[in-house]
Protein backbone atom coordinates (compact mmCIF):
# COMPACT_ATOMS: atom_id res chain seq x y z
CA MET A 1 -25.58 10.14 17.96
CA ASP A 2 -26.07 14.08 18.50
CA THR A 3 -25.97 16.61 15.71
CA THR A 4 -22.82 18.02 16.28
CA THR A 5 -20.82 14.46 16.73
CA PHE A 6 -22.26 13.39 13.56
CA ARG A 7 -21.28 16.47 11.49
CA ILE A 8 -17.70 16.15 13.00
CA LEU A 9 -17.12 12.60 12.55
CA ASP A 10 -18.32 13.45 9.03
CA ILE A 11 -15.70 15.97 8.36
CA ALA A 12 -13.08 13.99 10.16
CA SER A 13 -13.55 10.67 8.05
CA ALA A 14 -14.11 12.47 4.80
CA TYR A 15 -10.55 14.18 5.21
CA LEU A 16 -8.74 11.42 6.13
CA GLY A 17 -4.75 12.46 6.11
CA THR A 18 -5.70 15.79 6.06
CA PRO A 19 -4.81 17.73 9.31
CA LEU A 20 -7.98 19.95 9.98
CA SER A 21 -7.92 22.81 12.72
CA ILE A 22 -11.06 23.31 14.52
CA ASN A 23 -11.78 26.48 12.58
CA GLN A 24 -11.52 24.47 9.39
CA VAL A 25 -13.94 21.76 10.75
CA THR A 26 -16.48 24.60 11.60
CA GLY A 27 -16.18 26.23 8.06
CA LYS A 28 -16.59 22.78 6.41
CA ILE A 29 -19.48 22.05 8.66
CA LYS A 30 -21.38 25.36 7.52
CA GLU A 31 -20.29 25.10 3.91
CA ILE A 32 -22.17 21.73 3.96
CA HIS A 33 -25.09 22.14 6.47
CA GLY A 34 -25.65 25.93 6.34
CA THR A 35 -24.84 26.48 9.89
CA ALA A 36 -22.16 25.81 12.47
CA HIS A 37 -21.23 27.41 15.74
CA TYR A 38 -17.46 27.21 16.86
CA ALA A 39 -17.84 27.11 20.51
CA ASN A 40 -20.28 24.04 20.15
CA ILE A 41 -17.95 22.22 17.87
CA TYR A 42 -15.07 23.43 20.04
CA THR A 43 -16.76 21.67 23.46
CA LYS A 44 -17.88 18.49 21.17
CA ILE A 45 -14.09 18.15 19.79
CA HIS A 46 -12.80 18.06 23.12
CA ASP A 47 -15.24 15.97 24.53
CA LEU A 48 -14.87 13.55 21.69
CA GLN A 49 -11.00 13.74 22.76
CA LYS A 50 -11.62 12.78 26.21
CA GLN A 51 -13.52 9.77 24.95
CA SER A 52 -10.47 8.78 22.87
CA ILE A 53 -12.51 9.06 19.67
CA LEU A 54 -10.58 11.99 18.15
CA ASN A 55 -6.78 12.81 18.76
CA LEU A 56 -6.11 16.60 18.98
CA ASN A 57 -2.61 17.08 17.58
CA GLN A 58 -0.83 20.91 18.00
CA THR A 59 0.35 22.50 15.05
CA GLY A 60 1.56 25.99 15.77
CA ASN A 61 -1.02 28.33 17.20
CA SER A 62 -3.82 25.64 16.55
CA SER A 63 -4.85 22.36 16.98
CA THR A 64 -5.82 19.51 14.28
CA ILE A 65 -8.04 16.59 14.65
CA GLU A 66 -7.63 13.06 13.28
CA LEU A 67 -9.35 9.95 14.23
CA ASN A 68 -8.28 7.60 17.03
CA PHE A 69 -8.22 4.41 15.11
CA ARG A 70 -6.47 2.89 18.47
CA ASN A 71 -9.89 3.10 20.09
CA TYR A 72 -11.95 0.02 19.60
CA LEU A 73 -15.04 1.79 19.70
CA LEU A 74 -14.43 4.00 16.79
CA THR A 75 -15.52 2.01 14.08
CA ASP A 76 -18.87 1.55 16.09
CA PHE A 77 -19.33 5.31 16.01
CA LEU A 78 -18.16 5.62 12.30
CA ALA A 79 -20.64 2.79 11.31
CA GLU A 80 -23.54 4.88 13.21
CA MET A 81 -22.46 7.76 11.41
CA GLU A 82 -22.80 5.85 8.13
CA ILE A 83 -26.18 4.43 9.03
CA LYS A 84 -27.45 8.29 10.11
CA LYS A 85 -26.16 9.53 6.13
CA LYS A 86 -27.98 6.62 4.89
CA ILE A 87 -31.35 7.22 6.96
CA ASP A 88 -31.20 10.98 5.83
CA LEU A 89 -30.31 10.15 2.23
CA LEU A 90 -33.41 7.85 1.69
CA LYS A 91 -35.82 10.33 3.81
CA ARG A 92 -34.67 12.57 1.09
CA LYS A 93 -34.89 10.24 -1.71
CA ASN A 94 -37.55 7.88 -0.78
CA ASP A 95 -38.01 6.32 -4.19
CA LEU A 96 -34.57 4.68 -3.85
CA GLN A 97 -35.51 2.64 -1.03
CA ILE A 98 -37.11 0.32 -3.76
CA LEU A 99 -33.84 0.24 -5.60
CA PHE A 100 -31.75 -0.49 -2.20
CA THR A 101 -34.28 -3.20 -1.01
CA GLU A 102 -34.12 -5.27 -4.61
CA MET A 103 -30.32 -4.72 -4.63
CA GLU A 104 -29.60 -6.05 -1.23
CA LYS A 105 -32.01 -9.12 -1.90
CA GLN A 106 -30.45 -9.76 -5.07
CA LEU A 107 -26.83 -9.48 -3.81
CA GLU A 108 -27.61 -11.51 -0.73
CA ASN A 109 -26.08 -14.85 -1.60
CA ILE A 110 -22.82 -13.38 -2.82
CA TYR A 111 -20.64 -14.04 0.38
CA ALA A 112 -17.46 -12.03 -1.15
CA ILE A 113 -19.27 -9.07 -0.44
CA LYS A 114 -17.79 -7.53 2.79
CA SER A 115 -19.19 -3.96 2.16
CA ILE A 116 -20.97 -1.51 -0.45
CA CYS A 117 -20.36 2.27 -0.63
CA LEU A 118 -22.58 4.91 -2.43
CA ALA A 119 -20.42 6.91 -4.07
CA ASP A 120 -20.77 11.01 -4.96
CA PHE A 121 -24.66 10.29 -4.54
CA GLU A 122 -25.85 14.05 -4.92
CA SER A 123 -23.86 14.63 -8.06
CA ASN A 124 -24.30 11.19 -9.65
CA ILE A 125 -28.08 11.22 -9.36
CA LYS A 126 -28.46 14.29 -11.11
CA LEU A 127 -27.13 12.73 -13.94
CA ASN A 128 -29.60 9.92 -13.71
CA ARG A 129 -26.93 7.30 -12.20
CA ILE A 130 -25.72 5.78 -9.22
CA GLU A 131 -21.95 5.09 -8.45
CA LEU A 132 -21.00 1.75 -6.22
CA LEU A 133 -17.71 0.64 -4.66
CA PHE A 134 -17.74 -2.99 -3.56
CA LEU A 135 -14.96 -4.38 -1.50
CA PHE A 136 -14.68 -8.12 -1.30
CA LYS A 137 -13.37 -10.23 1.39
CA GLY A 138 -9.71 -11.44 1.21
CA SER A 139 -7.16 -10.78 -1.44
CA ASP A 140 -6.94 -13.76 -3.87
CA ASN A 141 -7.40 -12.64 -7.06
CA LYS A 142 -8.71 -16.37 -8.26
CA LEU A 143 -12.29 -17.65 -8.43
CA PRO A 144 -14.77 -17.32 -7.18
CA TYR A 145 -13.93 -13.44 -7.10
CA GLN A 146 -14.01 -13.66 -10.48
CA HIS A 147 -17.73 -15.72 -10.64
CA ASP A 148 -18.86 -13.47 -7.77
CA THR A 149 -17.95 -10.08 -9.61
CA VAL A 150 -19.84 -11.48 -12.91
CA GLN A 151 -23.06 -12.00 -10.85
CA ILE A 152 -22.86 -8.42 -9.38
CA TYR A 153 -22.29 -7.15 -12.86
CA ASP A 154 -25.20 -9.19 -14.18
CA GLU A 155 -27.74 -8.53 -11.34
CA LEU A 156 -27.07 -4.55 -11.42
CA GLN A 157 -27.61 -4.71 -15.12
CA LYS A 158 -31.10 -6.16 -14.50
CA LEU A 159 -31.58 -3.32 -11.56
CA GLN A 160 -30.02 -0.59 -14.13
CA ASP A 161 -33.13 -1.74 -16.94
CA ARG A 162 -35.58 -1.98 -14.38
CA HIS A 163 -35.35 1.56 -12.82
CA ASN A 164 -34.11 3.45 -15.91
CA LEU A 165 -30.82 4.33 -14.06
CA ARG A 166 -27.35 4.06 -14.93
CA ILE A 167 -25.25 1.80 -12.59
CA ASP A 168 -21.55 1.79 -12.46
CA ALA A 169 -19.52 -0.27 -10.06
CA LEU A 170 -15.98 -0.38 -8.64
CA ILE A 171 -15.28 -3.89 -7.58
CA LEU A 172 -12.25 -4.22 -5.32
CA ASN A 173 -10.83 -7.26 -3.07
CA GLU A 174 -8.92 -6.21 0.06
CA SER A 175 -5.38 -6.70 -1.98
CA ASN A 176 -6.73 -3.94 -4.35
CA PHE A 177 -8.20 -1.68 -1.80
CA PHE A 178 -4.70 -1.60 -0.01
CA ASP A 179 -2.98 -1.17 -2.88
CA LEU A 180 -4.84 1.82 -3.90
CA ILE A 181 -4.77 3.47 -0.34
CA LYS A 182 -1.17 3.27 0.11
CA THR A 183 0.04 4.31 -2.89
CA ASP A 184 1.17 8.07 -4.04
CA GLU A 185 -0.78 7.67 -7.15
CA ILE A 186 -3.94 9.85 -8.04
CA ASN A 187 -6.87 6.97 -8.30
CA PRO A 188 -10.38 6.64 -8.38
CA LEU A 189 -10.75 4.91 -4.83
CA LYS A 190 -8.91 7.71 -3.33
CA GLU A 191 -11.54 10.24 -4.66
CA ILE A 192 -14.38 8.13 -3.93
CA LEU A 193 -13.52 8.15 -0.25
CA PRO A 194 -14.57 11.53 0.73
CA ARG A 195 -17.78 11.36 -1.09
CA LYS A 196 -19.07 7.84 0.07
CA THR A 197 -21.84 6.40 2.04
CA ALA A 198 -21.11 2.88 3.27
CA PHE A 199 -24.73 1.72 3.35
CA PHE A 200 -24.14 -2.01 3.69
CA CYS A 201 -22.25 -2.90 6.51
CA PRO A 202 -20.54 0.23 7.18
CA GLN A 203 -18.67 -1.52 10.34
CA ALA A 204 -16.72 -4.06 8.17
CA PHE A 205 -15.55 -1.22 5.62
CA TRP A 206 -14.29 1.12 8.84
CA ASN A 207 -12.39 -2.13 10.08
CA GLN A 208 -10.78 -2.44 6.97
CA ILE A 209 -9.35 1.17 6.96
CA LYS A 210 -8.71 0.78 10.59
CA GLN A 211 -6.47 -2.47 9.77
CA ILE A 212 -4.51 -0.44 6.97
CA THR A 213 -3.82 2.24 9.48
CA GLU A 214 -2.62 -0.38 11.71
CA THR A 215 0.37 -1.42 9.07
CA GLY A 216 1.66 2.36 9.65
CA ILE A 217 0.38 3.37 6.40
CA LYS A 218 -0.76 7.17 6.50
CA ILE A 219 -4.23 7.21 4.53
CA LYS A 220 -4.29 10.28 2.22
CA VAL A 221 -7.75 11.00 0.54
CA ASN A 222 -7.81 13.14 -2.55
CA GLU A 223 -10.39 15.85 -2.34
CA ASN A 224 -10.71 16.72 -5.95
CA GLN A 225 -12.03 14.51 -8.67
CA THR A 226 -9.97 13.49 -11.78
CA ASN A 227 -11.60 13.79 -15.18
CA PRO A 228 -9.51 11.61 -17.28
CA ALA A 229 -10.43 14.08 -20.36
CA ARG A 230 -8.64 16.94 -18.77
CA ILE A 231 -5.49 15.28 -17.55
CA SER A 232 -2.75 17.65 -19.23
CA ASP A 233 -0.70 16.56 -21.98
CA SER A 234 2.36 17.28 -19.91
CA ASP A 235 1.20 14.83 -17.10
CA LEU A 236 0.09 12.54 -19.61
CA THR A 237 3.74 12.44 -21.06
CA TYR A 238 4.97 12.00 -17.68
CA ASN A 239 2.94 9.22 -16.77
CA LEU A 240 3.54 7.10 -20.04
CA ALA A 241 6.99 7.44 -19.54
CA ARG A 242 6.60 6.32 -15.77
CA PHE A 243 5.12 2.93 -17.42
CA GLY A 244 7.34 2.30 -20.08
CA TYR A 245 6.16 4.42 -23.31
CA LYS A 246 8.57 7.58 -23.62
CA GLU A 247 7.41 9.69 -27.13
CA PHE A 248 10.39 10.50 -29.21
CA GLY A 249 11.86 13.76 -29.09
CA LEU A 250 9.67 14.79 -26.41
CA THR A 251 10.92 16.43 -23.01
CA ILE A 252 10.02 14.63 -19.77
CA GLU A 253 8.84 17.26 -16.94
CA GLN A 254 8.07 16.11 -13.72
CA GLY A 255 4.02 15.91 -13.14
CA GLN A 256 1.32 14.27 -11.01
CA LYS A 257 1.24 10.82 -10.53
CA PHE A 258 -1.63 9.20 -11.90
CA CYS A 259 -2.93 5.34 -11.84
CA ILE A 260 -2.24 3.40 -14.99
CA GLU A 261 -6.16 2.84 -15.26
CA TYR A 262 -6.48 6.67 -15.58
CA ILE A 263 -3.81 7.08 -18.15
CA ILE A 264 -5.25 4.22 -20.19
CA THR A 265 -8.78 5.73 -19.99
CA THR A 266 -7.31 9.49 -20.90
CA LEU A 267 -5.93 7.69 -24.00
CA LEU A 268 -9.10 6.35 -25.10
CA ILE A 269 -11.02 9.13 -24.57
CA GLN A 270 -8.78 11.00 -26.71
CA ASN A 271 -8.66 8.59 -29.73
CA ASP A 272 -5.80 9.72 -31.26
CA ALA A 273 -4.54 6.61 -32.94
CA ARG A 274 -1.01 7.30 -32.65
CA ARG A 275 -1.06 7.57 -29.13
CA MET A 276 -3.44 4.72 -28.32
CA LEU A 277 -0.77 2.38 -29.44
CA ALA A 278 0.92 3.36 -26.15
CA ILE A 279 -2.10 1.12 -24.38
CA PRO A 280 -0.77 -2.45 -25.46
CA ILE A 281 3.00 -1.52 -24.25
CA ILE A 282 1.90 0.04 -20.93
CA LEU A 283 -0.21 -3.15 -20.35
CA ALA A 284 2.26 -5.42 -21.36
CA LYS A 285 4.93 -3.70 -19.02
CA ASN A 286 2.86 -3.14 -16.14
CA GLY A 287 -0.54 -4.89 -15.96
CA ALA A 288 -3.54 -3.08 -14.84
CA ARG A 289 -6.39 -3.87 -12.05
CA SER A 290 -9.10 -5.27 -14.32
CA ASN A 291 -11.87 -4.37 -12.41
CA LEU A 292 -10.80 -0.75 -11.84
CA VAL A 293 -9.88 -0.44 -15.69
CA ILE A 294 -13.75 -1.66 -16.83
CA PHE A 295 -14.92 0.58 -14.32
CA LEU A 296 -13.67 3.85 -16.00
CA THR A 297 -13.96 2.77 -19.42
CA GLN A 298 -17.50 1.89 -18.68
CA LYS A 299 -17.98 5.14 -16.76
CA HIS A 300 -16.75 7.16 -19.91
CA GLY A 301 -17.95 5.14 -22.51
CA VAL A 302 -14.87 3.87 -24.15
CA SER A 303 -14.79 0.21 -23.29
CA GLY A 304 -15.25 -0.84 -26.82
CA ARG A 305 -11.99 0.54 -27.58
CA LEU A 306 -10.40 -1.20 -24.69
CA LEU A 307 -11.35 -4.44 -25.47
CA GLY A 308 -10.14 -4.20 -29.10
CA LEU A 309 -6.90 -3.31 -28.16
CA MET A 310 -6.61 -5.77 -24.88
CA ARG A 311 -7.73 -8.83 -27.17
CA ILE A 312 -4.96 -8.14 -29.48
CA THR A 313 -2.53 -7.41 -26.85
CA ASN A 314 -3.56 -10.55 -24.86
CA LYS A 315 -2.85 -12.54 -28.48
CA ILE A 316 0.72 -11.29 -28.56
CA LYS A 317 1.82 -11.27 -24.76
CA PRO A 318 -0.94 -12.85 -22.60
CA THR A 319 -1.34 -12.12 -18.87
CA LYS A 320 -3.47 -13.38 -16.23
CA GLU A 321 -4.92 -9.41 -15.56
CA ILE A 322 -5.38 -8.82 -19.08
CA GLY A 323 -7.20 -12.23 -20.07
CA GLU A 324 -9.71 -11.61 -17.01
CA ALA A 325 -10.31 -8.19 -18.39
CA VAL A 326 -11.03 -9.15 -21.92
CA LYS A 327 -13.52 -12.41 -20.14
CA LEU A 328 -15.19 -9.56 -18.13
CA LEU A 329 -15.65 -7.03 -21.04
CA GLU A 330 -17.45 -10.01 -23.15
CA ILE A 331 -19.73 -10.96 -20.47
CA LEU A 332 -20.78 -7.50 -20.06
CA ASN A 333 -21.77 -7.50 -24.03
CA THR A 334 -19.26 -4.72 -24.68
CA LYS A 335 -19.63 -3.81 -28.49
CA GLU A 336 -15.58 -4.41 -29.66
CA ILE A 337 -13.89 -1.90 -31.57
CA PRO A 338 -11.62 -3.53 -33.42
CA ALA A 339 -7.93 -2.30 -33.53
CA ASN A 340 -5.13 -3.43 -36.07
CA GLU A 341 -2.85 -6.07 -35.07
CA LYS A 342 -0.04 -5.70 -37.21
CA ASP A 343 0.29 -1.83 -36.14
CA ILE A 344 0.07 -3.01 -32.39
CA LEU A 345 2.67 -5.85 -32.96
CA GLN A 346 5.35 -3.43 -34.80
CA LYS A 347 5.08 -0.84 -31.93
CA MET A 348 5.27 -3.40 -28.81
CA ARG A 349 8.45 -4.88 -30.71
CA LEU A 350 9.91 -1.28 -31.17
CA TYR A 351 9.19 -0.90 -27.09
CA ASN A 352 10.60 -4.23 -26.34
CA ALA A 353 7.10 -5.03 -25.10
CA ALA A 354 6.34 -8.06 -27.13
């Protein structure tokens, strides 16, 4: 794959759902790589259109590009792009080859794994951490997926200890992946996709994206990343109301929609005793994706508070999702911060959640 094609596909794949003109593609390539020539990019984009790899759509006086997932070979081109990204990355960070080799060896017998992506590598490695996105085969939430999830956490903990490097993992099955892609809520998956490198089975990853586009869903990723600690109070109030917890005396204004797992993490970070009582209520009324809420609360160092609240919530109003999350947190040796059962029960009854 020539350099210009690689760079164009890299930009087009990172901005799924965002129409980009040829001029914008040129600007983003220059921003990332330091140099870009409009004439060369213009010619190459039209060449890729002739090969049916890209679509060109007329928007006003300019044309915007998008990946043509109807082309059978597109996923092969994108897999080649991902492999080049991986090679370039490991050439620059030669020491990570040992980590990747050990990781793939330790996880090779976990057959549920469909693909693995490295997320936002450049920013994370500066903090001596890496972030991984695992995609599981199938959509069934039952065993053996819980067993495989536990095994992945266990193996990553060993790697983390051996390499003195923090590893956070988001593990999603195809159903979770599909739900998070199609929702209009802001969520971690939509923020990971623009900054990921699919380093294990990239073709399987892009085939999953292709299957989603074939359902007619327009995938729209988020260019910006959310810091749960900085979600505004108005957005927090709005989303709590969406999930069934309206604070008395407050006016609800339209805000940005965040996934429930981000809202739970924000409340845990704030550590406001009154507001944290909202967590059992919205969990009981809505549930939460156990792997996603564990990923976020571990990443932000508040999983101990989550375990304390979830244990009592599961005692008052047991659900499959909360029960699974409690088990996983226990397996991960989470240091539980106990919560007040009497206060939680009283609040849940007040909001008809018990």
